[in-house]
Amino acid sequence: MESRGDRLSRAIKGRGISKMMALALDLDVHESAISRWRKDGPMSLEHAARLSEVLDISLDWLVLGRGEMDAHAVERLASEEFELLRIVRRMRRNALLHLLAMLDDLTHSP
C-alpha cells in the first residue's frame, strides 16, 4: 500500500510542482517540512488540510489513502438522480432497453 509520503509525492508531481520552495511559501512552512512529509514524517492535520487545499487533492486520500486523489472533485448526485438510479436498477432488462431508447430519442430531437 502506498504511504502518505508516496501519495504526497505523487500529488506534487501530478500537479506539476517542481520547486518545493514555492510550495513551502504557499503553505507557510520551511522546505524541510515538505521533505520530511514526503518521507512519512509527522504532519499536523492543519498542514494536511492546507496541503489538500493548495494541491487541490482529497484530504481523505492524502491522510488515509482512501479513494482517489481527485475524489473531492467528483460531482455528487442529486436526490432525484439517486431516485432514478434506484428505479432503473429494479427494472426488467426489456423495459430498461425501451427506456434508454426513449431517452435517446428525447435528447436527439430538435
PDB file of N, CA and C in Angstrom:
ATOM      1  N   MET A   1       0.842  -1.192   0.000  1.00  0.00           N
ATOM      2  CA  MET A   1       0.000   0.000   0.000  1.00  0.00           C
ATOM      3  C   MET A   1       0.881   1.247   0.000  1.00  0.00           C
ATOM      4  N   GLU A   2       0.436   2.220  -0.712  1.00  0.00           N
ATOM      5  CA  GLU A   2       1.170   3.471  -0.849  1.00  0.00           C
ATOM      6  C   GLU A   2       1.159   4.246   0.482  1.00  0.00           C
ATOM      7  N   SER A   3       2.300   4.763   0.871  1.00  0.00           N
ATOM      8  CA  SER A   3       2.381   5.535   2.119  1.00  0.00           C
ATOM      9  C   SER A   3       1.898   6.971   1.890  1.00  0.00           C
ATOM     10  N   ARG A   4       1.663   7.673   2.992  1.00  0.00           N
ATOM     11  CA  ARG A   4       1.248   9.072   2.893  1.00  0.00           C
ATOM     12  C   ARG A   4       2.302   9.891   2.143  1.00  0.00           C
ATOM     13  N   GLY A   5       3.561   9.631   2.439  1.00  0.00           N
ATOM     14  CA  GLY A   5       4.641  10.341   1.747  1.00  0.00           C
ATOM     15  C   GLY A   5       4.638  10.071   0.253  1.00  0.00           C
ATOM     16  N   ASP A   6       4.361   8.826  -0.115  1.00  0.00           N
ATOM     17  CA  ASP A   6       4.272   8.472  -1.538  1.00  0.00           C
ATOM     18  C   ASP A   6       3.108   9.208  -2.201  1.00  0.00           C
ATOM     19  N   ARG A   7       1.971   9.252  -1.489  1.00  0.00           N
ATOM     20  CA  ARG A   7       0.805   9.955  -2.048  1.00  0.00           C
ATOM     21  C   ARG A   7       1.107  11.440  -2.210  1.00  0.00           C
ATOM     22  N   LEU A   8       1.764  12.021  -1.216  1.00  0.00           N
ATOM     23  CA  LEU A   8       2.114  13.439  -1.305  1.00  0.00           C
ATOM     24  C   LEU A   8       3.044  13.681  -2.487  1.00  0.00           C
ATOM     25  N   SER A   9       4.049  12.846  -2.638  1.00  0.00           N
ATOM     26  CA  SER A   9       4.983  12.997  -3.760  1.00  0.00           C
ATOM     27  C   SER A   9       4.258  12.869  -5.094  1.00  0.00           C
ATOM     28  N   ARG A  10       3.329  11.915  -5.165  1.00  0.00           N
ATOM     29  CA  ARG A  10       2.558  11.734  -6.404  1.00  0.00           C
ATOM     30  C   ARG A  10       1.702  12.957  -6.706  1.00  0.00           C
ATOM     31  N   ALA A  11       1.101  13.532  -5.664  1.00  0.00           N
ATOM     32  CA  ALA A  11       0.264  14.719  -5.853  1.00  0.00           C
ATOM     33  C   ALA A  11       1.104  15.907  -6.308  1.00  0.00           C
ATOM     34  N   ILE A  12       2.256  16.079  -5.694  1.00  0.00           N
ATOM     35  CA  ILE A  12       3.144  17.189  -6.073  1.00  0.00           C
ATOM     36  C   ILE A  12       3.555  17.048  -7.529  1.00  0.00           C
ATOM     37  N   LYS A  13       3.963  15.845  -7.906  1.00  0.00           N
ATOM     38  CA  LYS A  13       4.358  15.594  -9.295  1.00  0.00           C
ATOM     39  C   LYS A  13       3.162  15.759 -10.232  1.00  0.00           C
ATOM     40  N   GLY A  14       2.011  15.214  -9.824  1.00  0.00           N
ATOM     41  CA  GLY A  14       0.805  15.290 -10.646  1.00  0.00           C
ATOM     42  C   GLY A  14       0.322  16.711 -10.881  1.00  0.00           C
ATOM     43  N   ARG A  15       0.613  17.586  -9.967  1.00  0.00           N
ATOM     44  CA  ARG A  15       0.216  18.993 -10.107  1.00  0.00           C
ATOM     45  C   ARG A  15       1.298  19.818 -10.788  1.00  0.00           C
ATOM     46  N   GLY A  16       2.368  19.154 -11.199  1.00  0.00           N
ATOM     47  CA  GLY A  16       3.422  19.832 -11.951  1.00  0.00           C
ATOM     48  C   GLY A  16       4.279  20.766 -11.116  1.00  0.00           C
ATOM     49  N   ILE A  17       4.365  20.513  -9.825  1.00  0.00           N
ATOM     50  CA  ILE A  17       5.168  21.370  -8.951  1.00  0.00           C
ATOM     51  C   ILE A  17       6.594  20.823  -8.914  1.00  0.00           C
ATOM     52  N   SER A  18       7.534  21.645  -9.330  1.00  0.00           N
ATOM     53  CA  SER A  18       8.928  21.204  -9.327  1.00  0.00           C
ATOM     54  C   SER A  18       9.758  21.955  -8.292  1.00  0.00           C
ATOM     55  N   LYS A  19       9.289  23.085  -7.854  1.00  0.00           N
ATOM     56  CA  LYS A  19      10.024  23.901  -6.881  1.00  0.00           C
ATOM     57  C   LYS A  19       9.365  23.803  -5.514  1.00  0.00           C
ATOM     58  N   MET A  20      10.022  23.103  -4.599  1.00  0.00           N
ATOM     59  CA  MET A  20       9.465  22.934  -3.263  1.00  0.00           C
ATOM     60  C   MET A  20       9.432  24.252  -2.494  1.00  0.00           C
ATOM     61  N   MET A  21      10.299  25.183  -2.874  1.00  0.00           N
ATOM     62  CA  MET A  21      10.317  26.480  -2.207  1.00  0.00           C
ATOM     63  C   MET A  21       8.995  27.216  -2.433  1.00  0.00           C
ATOM     64  N   ALA A  22       8.476  27.146  -3.652  1.00  0.00           N
ATOM     65  CA  ALA A  22       7.207  27.807  -3.962  1.00  0.00           C
ATOM     66  C   ALA A  22       6.065  27.164  -3.176  1.00  0.00           C
ATOM     67  N   LEU A  23       6.056  25.833  -3.094  1.00  0.00           N
ATOM     68  CA  LEU A  23       5.027  25.135  -2.330  1.00  0.00           C
ATOM     69  C   LEU A  23       5.150  25.477  -0.848  1.00  0.00           C
ATOM     70  N   ALA A  24       6.378  25.522  -0.351  1.00  0.00           N
ATOM     71  CA  ALA A  24       6.607  25.873   1.053  1.00  0.00           C
ATOM     72  C   ALA A  24       6.084  27.271   1.358  1.00  0.00           C
ATOM     73  N   LEU A  25       6.292  28.197   0.439  1.00  0.00           N
ATOM     74  CA  LEU A  25       5.769  29.559   0.630  1.00  0.00           C
ATOM     75  C   LEU A  25       4.249  29.561   0.681  1.00  0.00           C
ATOM     76  N   ASP A  26       3.626  28.796  -0.207  1.00  0.00           N
ATOM     77  CA  ASP A  26       2.159  28.699  -0.213  1.00  0.00           C
ATOM     78  C   ASP A  26       1.633  28.129   1.103  1.00  0.00           C
ATOM     79  N   LEU A  27       2.406  27.222   1.693  1.00  0.00           N
ATOM     80  CA  LEU A  27       1.978  26.554   2.919  1.00  0.00           C
ATOM     81  C   LEU A  27       2.452  27.270   4.182  1.00  0.00           C
ATOM     82  N   ASP A  28       3.328  28.253   3.998  1.00  0.00           N
ATOM     83  CA  ASP A  28       3.924  28.981   5.117  1.00  0.00           C
ATOM     84  C   ASP A  28       4.707  28.041   6.033  1.00  0.00           C
ATOM     85  N   VAL A  29       5.513  27.175   5.402  1.00  0.00           N
ATOM     86  CA  VAL A  29       6.388  26.258   6.135  1.00  0.00           C
ATOM     87  C   VAL A  29       7.771  26.316   5.497  1.00  0.00           C
ATOM     88  N   HIS A  30       8.749  25.719   6.168  1.00  0.00           N
ATOM     89  CA  HIS A  30      10.091  25.610   5.607  1.00  0.00           C
ATOM     90  C   HIS A  30      10.116  24.448   4.618  1.00  0.00           C
ATOM     91  N   GLU A  31      10.961  24.556   3.620  1.00  0.00           N
ATOM     92  CA  GLU A  31      11.112  23.491   2.624  1.00  0.00           C
ATOM     93  C   GLU A  31      11.390  22.135   3.265  1.00  0.00           C
ATOM     94  N   SER A  32      12.129  22.139   4.374  1.00  0.00           N
ATOM     95  CA  SER A  32      12.486  20.885   5.041  1.00  0.00           C
ATOM     96  C   SER A  32      11.242  20.155   5.563  1.00  0.00           C
ATOM     97  N   ALA A  33      10.177  20.900   5.879  1.00  0.00           N
ATOM     98  CA  ALA A  33       8.935  20.265   6.341  1.00  0.00           C
ATOM     99  C   ALA A  33       8.349  19.405   5.229  1.00  0.00           C
ATOM    100  N   ILE A  34       8.344  19.935   4.023  1.00  0.00           N
ATOM    101  CA  ILE A  34       7.818  19.169   2.886  1.00  0.00           C
ATOM    102  C   ILE A  34       8.661  17.929   2.655  1.00  0.00           C
ATOM    103  N   SER A  35       9.959  18.083   2.765  1.00  0.00           N
ATOM    104  CA  SER A  35      10.861  16.942   2.608  1.00  0.00           C
ATOM    105  C   SER A  35      10.565  15.873   3.658  1.00  0.00           C
ATOM    106  N   ARG A  36      10.361  16.275   4.911  1.00  0.00           N
ATOM    107  CA  ARG A  36      10.023  15.320   5.982  1.00  0.00           C
ATOM    108  C   ARG A  36       8.698  14.628   5.695  1.00  0.00           C
ATOM    109  N   TRP A  37       7.697  15.396   5.265  1.00  0.00           N
ATOM    110  CA  TRP A  37       6.380  14.815   4.973  1.00  0.00           C
ATOM    111  C   TRP A  37       6.461  13.788   3.861  1.00  0.00           C
ATOM    112  N   ARG A  38       7.299  14.083   2.862  1.00  0.00           N
ATOM    113  CA  ARG A  38       7.450  13.156   1.735  1.00  0.00           C
ATOM    114  C   ARG A  38       8.151  11.870   2.159  1.00  0.00           C
ATOM    115  N   LYS A  39       8.831  11.920   3.305  1.00  0.00           N
ATOM    116  CA  LYS A  39       9.494  10.733   3.864  1.00  0.00           C
ATOM    117  C   LYS A  39       8.669  10.138   5.005  1.00  0.00           C
ATOM    118  N   ASP A  40       7.377  10.447   5.022  1.00  0.00           N
ATOM    119  CA  ASP A  40       6.435   9.945   6.027  1.00  0.00           C
ATOM    120  C   ASP A  40       6.686  10.475   7.434  1.00  0.00           C
ATOM    121  N   GLY A  41       7.321  11.629   7.525  1.00  0.00           N
ATOM    122  CA  GLY A  41       7.495  12.266   8.822  1.00  0.00           C
ATOM    123  C   GLY A  41       6.169  12.796   9.341  1.00  0.00           C
ATOM    124  N   PRO A  42       6.123  13.150  10.628  1.00  0.00           N
ATOM    125  CA  PRO A  42       4.869  13.631  11.223  1.00  0.00           C
ATOM    126  C   PRO A  42       4.343  14.886  10.529  1.00  0.00           C
ATOM    127  N   MET A  43       3.016  14.938  10.417  1.00  0.00           N
ATOM    128  CA  MET A  43       2.343  16.077   9.775  1.00  0.00           C
ATOM    129  C   MET A  43       1.088  16.375  10.579  1.00  0.00           C
ATOM    130  N   SER A  44       0.880  17.628  10.885  1.00  0.00           N
ATOM    131  CA  SER A  44      -0.333  18.003  11.610  1.00  0.00           C
ATOM    132  C   SER A  44      -1.537  17.930  10.678  1.00  0.00           C
ATOM    133  N   LEU A  45      -2.697  17.779  11.256  1.00  0.00           N
ATOM    134  CA  LEU A  45      -3.918  17.775  10.459  1.00  0.00           C
ATOM    135  C   LEU A  45      -4.104  19.116   9.761  1.00  0.00           C
ATOM    136  N   GLU A  46      -3.705  20.174  10.436  1.00  0.00           N
ATOM    137  CA  GLU A  46      -3.795  21.511   9.838  1.00  0.00           C
ATOM    138  C   GLU A  46      -2.951  21.597   8.574  1.00  0.00           C
ATOM    139  N   HIS A  47      -1.721  21.054   8.627  1.00  0.00           N
ATOM    140  CA  HIS A  47      -0.868  21.083   7.435  1.00  0.00           C
ATOM    141  C   HIS A  47      -1.420  20.164   6.345  1.00  0.00           C
ATOM    142  N   ALA A  48      -1.955  19.012   6.740  1.00  0.00           N
ATOM    143  CA  ALA A  48      -2.540  18.102   5.755  1.00  0.00           C
ATOM    144  C   ALA A  48      -3.721  18.767   5.053  1.00  0.00           C
ATOM    145  N   ALA A  49      -4.555  19.460   5.825  1.00  0.00           N
ATOM    146  CA  ALA A  49      -5.705  20.157   5.240  1.00  0.00           C
ATOM    147  C   ALA A  49      -5.243  21.257   4.302  1.00  0.00           C
ATOM    148  N   ARG A  50      -4.223  21.987   4.707  1.00  0.00           N
ATOM    149  CA  ARG A  50      -3.698  23.073   3.853  1.00  0.00           C
ATOM    150  C   ARG A  50      -3.082  22.498   2.582  1.00  0.00           C
ATOM    151  N   LEU A  51      -2.355  21.382   2.711  1.00  0.00           N
ATOM    152  CA  LEU A  51      -1.790  20.724   1.532  1.00  0.00           C
ATOM    153  C   LEU A  51      -2.884  20.301   0.564  1.00  0.00           C
ATOM    154  N   SER A  52      -3.940  19.706   1.102  1.00  0.00           N
ATOM    155  CA  SER A  52      -5.018  19.243   0.227  1.00  0.00           C
ATOM    156  C   SER A  52      -5.676  20.416  -0.485  1.00  0.00           C
ATOM    157  N   GLU A  53      -5.740  21.552   0.195  1.00  0.00           N
ATOM    158  CA  GLU A  53      -6.314  22.749  -0.424  1.00  0.00           C
ATOM    159  C   GLU A  53      -5.386  23.307  -1.504  1.00  0.00           C
ATOM    160  N   VAL A  54      -4.127  23.463  -1.172  1.00  0.00           N
ATOM    161  CA  VAL A  54      -3.162  24.042  -2.111  1.00  0.00           C
ATOM    162  C   VAL A  54      -2.957  23.146  -3.331  1.00  0.00           C
ATOM    163  N   LEU A  55      -2.882  21.827  -3.102  1.00  0.00           N
ATOM    164  CA  LEU A  55      -2.670  20.892  -4.206  1.00  0.00           C
ATOM    165  C   LEU A  55      -3.969  20.471  -4.884  1.00  0.00           C
ATOM    166  N   ASP A  56      -5.097  20.878  -4.324  1.00  0.00           N
ATOM    167  CA  ASP A  56      -6.420  20.521  -4.834  1.00  0.00           C
ATOM    168  C   ASP A  56      -6.554  19.001  -4.929  1.00  0.00           C
ATOM    169  N   ILE A  57      -6.342  18.354  -3.765  1.00  0.00           N
ATOM    170  CA  ILE A  57      -6.455  16.901  -3.673  1.00  0.00           C
ATOM    171  C   ILE A  57      -7.390  16.550  -2.521  1.00  0.00           C
ATOM    172  N   SER A  58      -7.834  15.327  -2.506  1.00  0.00           N
ATOM    173  CA  SER A  58      -8.714  14.840  -1.453  1.00  0.00           C
ATOM    174  C   SER A  58      -7.931  14.678  -0.150  1.00  0.00           C
ATOM    175  N   LEU A  59      -8.413  15.272   0.920  1.00  0.00           N
ATOM    176  CA  LEU A  59      -7.781  15.126   2.230  1.00  0.00           C
ATOM    177  C   LEU A  59      -7.851  13.673   2.683  1.00  0.00           C
ATOM    178  N   ASP A  60      -8.971  13.021   2.453  1.00  0.00           N
ATOM    179  CA  ASP A  60      -9.145  11.618   2.813  1.00  0.00           C
ATOM    180  C   ASP A  60      -8.093  10.755   2.119  1.00  0.00           C
ATOM    181  N   TRP A  61      -7.845  11.042   0.859  1.00  0.00           N
ATOM    182  CA  TRP A  61      -6.848  10.293   0.101  1.00  0.00           C
ATOM    183  C   TRP A  61      -5.446  10.557   0.639  1.00  0.00           C
ATOM    184  N   LEU A  62      -5.125  11.818   0.885  1.00  0.00           N
ATOM    185  CA  LEU A  62      -3.790  12.164   1.364  1.00  0.00           C
ATOM    186  C   LEU A  62      -3.502  11.523   2.713  1.00  0.00           C
ATOM    187  N   VAL A  63      -4.399  11.704   3.665  1.00  0.00           N
ATOM    188  CA  VAL A  63      -4.150  11.260   5.035  1.00  0.00           C
ATOM    189  C   VAL A  63      -4.341   9.753   5.211  1.00  0.00           C
ATOM    190  N   LEU A  64      -5.429   9.219   4.661  1.00  0.00           N
ATOM    191  CA  LEU A  64      -5.787   7.820   4.929  1.00  0.00           C
ATOM    192  C   LEU A  64      -5.583   6.872   3.749  1.00  0.00           C
ATOM    193  N   GLY A  65      -5.363   7.430   2.574  1.00  0.00           N
ATOM    194  CA  GLY A  65      -5.191   6.581   1.400  1.00  0.00           C
ATOM    195  C   GLY A  65      -6.491   6.018   0.872  1.00  0.00           C
ATOM    196  N   ARG A  66      -7.625   6.616   1.288  1.00  0.00           N
ATOM    197  CA  ARG A  66      -8.936   6.141   0.829  1.00  0.00           C
ATOM    198  C   ARG A  66      -9.373   6.908  -0.403  1.00  0.00           C
ATOM    199  N   GLY A  67      -9.952   6.190  -1.346  1.00  0.00           N
ATOM    200  CA  GLY A  67     -10.474   6.831  -2.542  1.00  0.00           C
ATOM    201  C   GLY A  67      -9.378   7.209  -3.519  1.00  0.00           C
ATOM    202  N   GLU A  68      -9.647   8.259  -4.251  1.00  0.00           N
ATOM    203  CA  GLU A  68      -8.734   8.728  -5.290  1.00  0.00           C
ATOM    204  C   GLU A  68      -8.260  10.145  -4.978  1.00  0.00           C
ATOM    205  N   MET A  69      -7.160  10.520  -5.572  1.00  0.00           N
ATOM    206  CA  MET A  69      -6.588  11.845  -5.346  1.00  0.00           C
ATOM    207  C   MET A  69      -7.591  12.955  -5.658  1.00  0.00           C
ATOM    208  N   ASP A  70      -8.360  12.789  -6.714  1.00  0.00           N
ATOM    209  CA  ASP A  70      -9.306  13.822  -7.126  1.00  0.00           C
ATOM    210  C   ASP A  70     -10.740  13.502  -6.713  1.00  0.00           C
ATOM    211  N   ALA A  71     -10.915  12.629  -5.747  1.00  0.00           N
ATOM    212  CA  ALA A  71     -12.254  12.214  -5.323  1.00  0.00           C
ATOM    213  C   ALA A  71     -13.098  13.383  -4.846  1.00  0.00           C
ATOM    214  N   HIS A  72     -12.471  14.386  -4.274  1.00  0.00           N
ATOM    215  CA  HIS A  72     -13.209  15.545  -3.758  1.00  0.00           C
ATOM    216  C   HIS A  72     -13.873  16.340  -4.874  1.00  0.00           C
ATOM    217  N   ALA A  73     -13.382  16.187  -6.081  1.00  0.00           N
ATOM    218  CA  ALA A  73     -13.889  16.971  -7.202  1.00  0.00           C
ATOM    219  C   ALA A  73     -14.991  16.259  -7.976  1.00  0.00           C
ATOM    220  N   VAL A  74     -15.278  15.022  -7.618  1.00  0.00           N
ATOM    221  CA  VAL A  74     -16.314  14.256  -8.313  1.00  0.00           C
ATOM    222  C   VAL A  74     -17.673  14.885  -8.010  1.00  0.00           C
ATOM    223  N   GLU A  75     -18.424  15.093  -9.045  1.00  0.00           N
ATOM    224  CA  GLU A  75     -19.748  15.701  -8.886  1.00  0.00           C
ATOM    225  C   GLU A  75     -20.672  14.760  -8.124  1.00  0.00           C
ATOM    226  N   ARG A  76     -21.345  15.278  -7.150  1.00  0.00           N
ATOM    227  CA  ARG A  76     -22.271  14.495  -6.342  1.00  0.00           C
ATOM    228  C   ARG A  76     -23.624  14.385  -7.051  1.00  0.00           C
ATOM    229  N   LEU A  77     -24.283  13.238  -6.878  1.00  0.00           N
ATOM    230  CA  LEU A  77     -25.595  13.036  -7.475  1.00  0.00           C
ATOM    231  C   LEU A  77     -26.660  13.758  -6.660  1.00  0.00           C
ATOM    232  N   ALA A  78     -27.601  14.358  -7.349  1.00  0.00           N
ATOM    233  CA  ALA A  78     -28.749  14.988  -6.692  1.00  0.00           C
ATOM    234  C   ALA A  78     -29.699  13.887  -6.227  1.00  0.00           C
ATOM    235  N   SER A  79     -30.576  14.211  -5.297  1.00  0.00           N
ATOM    236  CA  SER A  79     -31.504  13.204  -4.763  1.00  0.00           C
ATOM    237  C   SER A  79     -32.380  12.614  -5.863  1.00  0.00           C
ATOM    238  N   GLU A  80     -32.756  13.433  -6.848  1.00  0.00           N
ATOM    239  CA  GLU A  80     -33.576  12.939  -7.956  1.00  0.00           C
ATOM    240  C   GLU A  80     -32.809  11.913  -8.783  1.00  0.00           C
ATOM    241  N   GLU A  81     -31.507  12.119  -8.921  1.00  0.00           N
ATOM    242  CA  GLU A  81     -30.688  11.179  -9.678  1.00  0.00           C
ATOM    243  C   GLU A  81     -30.573   9.841  -8.936  1.00  0.00           C
ATOM    244  N   PHE A  82     -30.450   9.897  -7.617  1.00  0.00           N
ATOM    245  CA  PHE A  82     -30.430   8.669  -6.832  1.00  0.00           C
ATOM    246  C   PHE A  82     -31.743   7.918  -6.976  1.00  0.00           C
ATOM    247  N   GLU A  83     -32.860   8.644  -6.945  1.00  0.00           N
ATOM    248  CA  GLU A  83     -34.177   8.015  -7.083  1.00  0.00           C
ATOM    249  C   GLU A  83     -34.296   7.354  -8.461  1.00  0.00           C
ATOM    250  N   LEU A  84     -33.852   8.033  -9.494  1.00  0.00           N
ATOM    251  CA  LEU A  84     -33.888   7.472 -10.842  1.00  0.00           C
ATOM    252  C   LEU A  84     -33.033   6.204 -10.913  1.00  0.00           C
ATOM    253  N   LEU A  85     -31.863   6.243 -10.325  1.00  0.00           N
ATOM    254  CA  LEU A  85     -30.997   5.074 -10.313  1.00  0.00           C
ATOM    255  C   LEU A  85     -31.656   3.909  -9.572  1.00  0.00           C
ATOM    256  N   ARG A  86     -32.312   4.190  -8.463  1.00  0.00           N
ATOM    257  CA  ARG A  86     -32.997   3.154  -7.693  1.00  0.00           C
ATOM    258  C   ARG A  86     -34.084   2.486  -8.538  1.00  0.00           C
ATOM    259  N   ILE A  87     -34.843   3.290  -9.266  1.00  0.00           N
ATOM    260  CA  ILE A  87     -35.913   2.763 -10.121  1.00  0.00           C
ATOM    261  C   ILE A  87     -35.339   1.940 -11.264  1.00  0.00           C
ATOM    262  N   VAL A  88     -34.315   2.470 -11.910  1.00  0.00           N
ATOM    263  CA  VAL A  88     -33.708   1.785 -13.052  1.00  0.00           C
ATOM    264  C   VAL A  88     -33.147   0.432 -12.636  1.00  0.00           C
ATOM    265  N   ARG A  89     -32.562   0.359 -11.471  1.00  0.00           N
ATOM    266  CA  ARG A  89     -31.988  -0.910 -11.006  1.00  0.00           C
ATOM    267  C   ARG A  89     -33.051  -1.984 -10.760  1.00  0.00           C
ATOM    268  N   ARG A  90     -34.292  -1.589 -10.550  1.00  0.00           N
ATOM    269  CA  ARG A  90     -35.371  -2.560 -10.327  1.00  0.00           C
ATOM    270  C   ARG A  90     -36.050  -2.972 -11.633  1.00  0.00           C
ATOM    271  N   MET A  91     -35.752  -2.298 -12.727  1.00  0.00           N
ATOM    272  CA  MET A  91     -36.432  -2.568 -13.993  1.00  0.00           C
ATOM    273  C   MET A  91     -35.958  -3.870 -14.624  1.00  0.00           C
ATOM    274  N   ARG A  92     -36.900  -4.486 -15.360  1.00  0.00           N
ATOM    275  CA  ARG A  92     -36.532  -5.650 -16.159  1.00  0.00           C
ATOM    276  C   ARG A  92     -35.717  -5.144 -17.344  1.00  0.00           C
ATOM    277  N   ARG A  93     -34.883  -6.015 -17.872  1.00  0.00           N
ATOM    278  CA  ARG A  93     -33.966  -5.632 -18.951  1.00  0.00           C
ATOM    279  C   ARG A  93     -34.710  -5.074 -20.160  1.00  0.00           C
ATOM    280  N   ASN A  94     -35.795  -5.720 -20.579  1.00  0.00           N
ATOM    281  CA  ASN A  94     -36.545  -5.273 -21.748  1.00  0.00           C
ATOM    282  C   ASN A  94     -37.093  -3.853 -21.529  1.00  0.00           C
ATOM    283  N   ALA A  95     -37.651  -3.586 -20.354  1.00  0.00           N
ATOM    284  CA  ALA A  95     -38.183  -2.259 -20.049  1.00  0.00           C
ATOM    285  C   ALA A  95     -37.060  -1.222 -20.021  1.00  0.00           C
ATOM    286  N   LEU A  96     -35.916  -1.628 -19.501  1.00  0.00           N
ATOM    287  CA  LEU A  96     -34.773  -0.719 -19.450  1.00  0.00           C
ATOM    288  C   LEU A  96     -34.298  -0.339 -20.850  1.00  0.00           C
ATOM    289  N   LEU A  97     -34.283  -1.305 -21.754  1.00  0.00           N
ATOM    290  CA  LEU A  97     -33.878  -1.026 -23.138  1.00  0.00           C
ATOM    291  C   LEU A  97     -34.851  -0.052 -23.810  1.00  0.00           C
ATOM    292  N   HIS A  98     -36.133  -0.208 -23.547  1.00  0.00           N
ATOM    293  CA  HIS A  98     -37.126   0.728 -24.098  1.00  0.00           C
ATOM    294  C   HIS A  98     -36.930   2.133 -23.520  1.00  0.00           C
ATOM    295  N   LEU A  99     -36.685   2.191 -22.225  1.00  0.00           N
ATOM    296  CA  LEU A  99     -36.460   3.485 -21.575  1.00  0.00           C
ATOM    297  C   LEU A  99     -35.231   4.184 -22.153  1.00  0.00           C
ATOM    298  N   LEU A 100     -34.171   3.422 -22.341  1.00  0.00           N
ATOM    299  CA  LEU A 100     -32.951   4.005 -22.917  1.00  0.00           C
ATOM    300  C   LEU A 100     -33.191   4.526 -24.330  1.00  0.00           C
ATOM    301  N   ALA A 101     -33.950   3.781 -25.129  1.00  0.00           N
ATOM    302  CA  ALA A 101     -34.260   4.229 -26.488  1.00  0.00           C
ATOM    303  C   ALA A 101     -35.083   5.510 -26.449  1.00  0.00           C
ATOM    304  N   MET A 102     -36.072   5.561 -25.552  1.00  0.00           N
ATOM    305  CA  MET A 102     -36.902   6.760 -25.421  1.00  0.00           C
ATOM    306  C   MET A 102     -36.054   7.966 -24.990  1.00  0.00           C
ATOM    307  N   LEU A 103     -35.173   7.777 -24.022  1.00  0.00           N
ATOM    308  CA  LEU A 103     -34.321   8.869 -23.560  1.00  0.00           C
ATOM    309  C   LEU A 103     -33.379   9.340 -24.660  1.00  0.00           C
ATOM    310  N   ASP A 104     -32.879   8.394 -25.434  1.00  0.00           N
ATOM    311  CA  ASP A 104     -32.014   8.739 -26.549  1.00  0.00           C
ATOM    312  C   ASP A 104     -32.765   9.595 -27.572  1.00  0.00           C
ATOM    313  N   ASP A 105     -34.019   9.196 -27.860  1.00  0.00           N
ATOM    314  CA  ASP A 105     -34.852   9.978 -28.774  1.00  0.00           C
ATOM    315  C   ASP A 105     -35.072  11.404 -28.242  1.00  0.00           C
ATOM    316  N   LEU A 106     -35.352  11.503 -26.962  1.00  0.00           N
ATOM    317  CA  LEU A 106     -35.610  12.819 -26.352  1.00  0.00           C
ATOM    318  C   LEU A 106     -34.392  13.726 -26.420  1.00  0.00           C
ATOM    319  N   THR A 107     -33.220  13.174 -26.250  1.00  0.00           N
ATOM    320  CA  THR A 107     -32.017  14.008 -26.236  1.00  0.00           C
ATOM    321  C   THR A 107     -31.523  14.356 -27.630  1.00  0.00           C
ATOM    322  N   HIS A 108     -32.019  13.643 -28.647  1.00  0.00           N
ATOM    323  CA  HIS A 108     -31.591  13.923 -30.014  1.00  0.00           C
ATOM    324  C   HIS A 108     -32.685  14.546 -30.871  1.00  0.00           C
ATOM    325  N   SER A 109     -33.822  14.872 -30.272  1.00  0.00           N
ATOM    326  CA  SER A 109     -34.874  15.509 -31.068  1.00  0.00           C
ATOM    327  C   SER A 109     -34.633  17.016 -31.132  1.00  0.00           C
ATOM    328  N   PRO A 110     -35.064  17.604 -32.259  1.00  0.00           N
ATOM    329  CA  PRO A 110     -34.843  19.047 -32.463  1.00  0.00           C
ATOM    330  C   PRO A 110     -35.669  19.931 -31.556  1.00  0.00           C
TER     331      PRO A 110
END
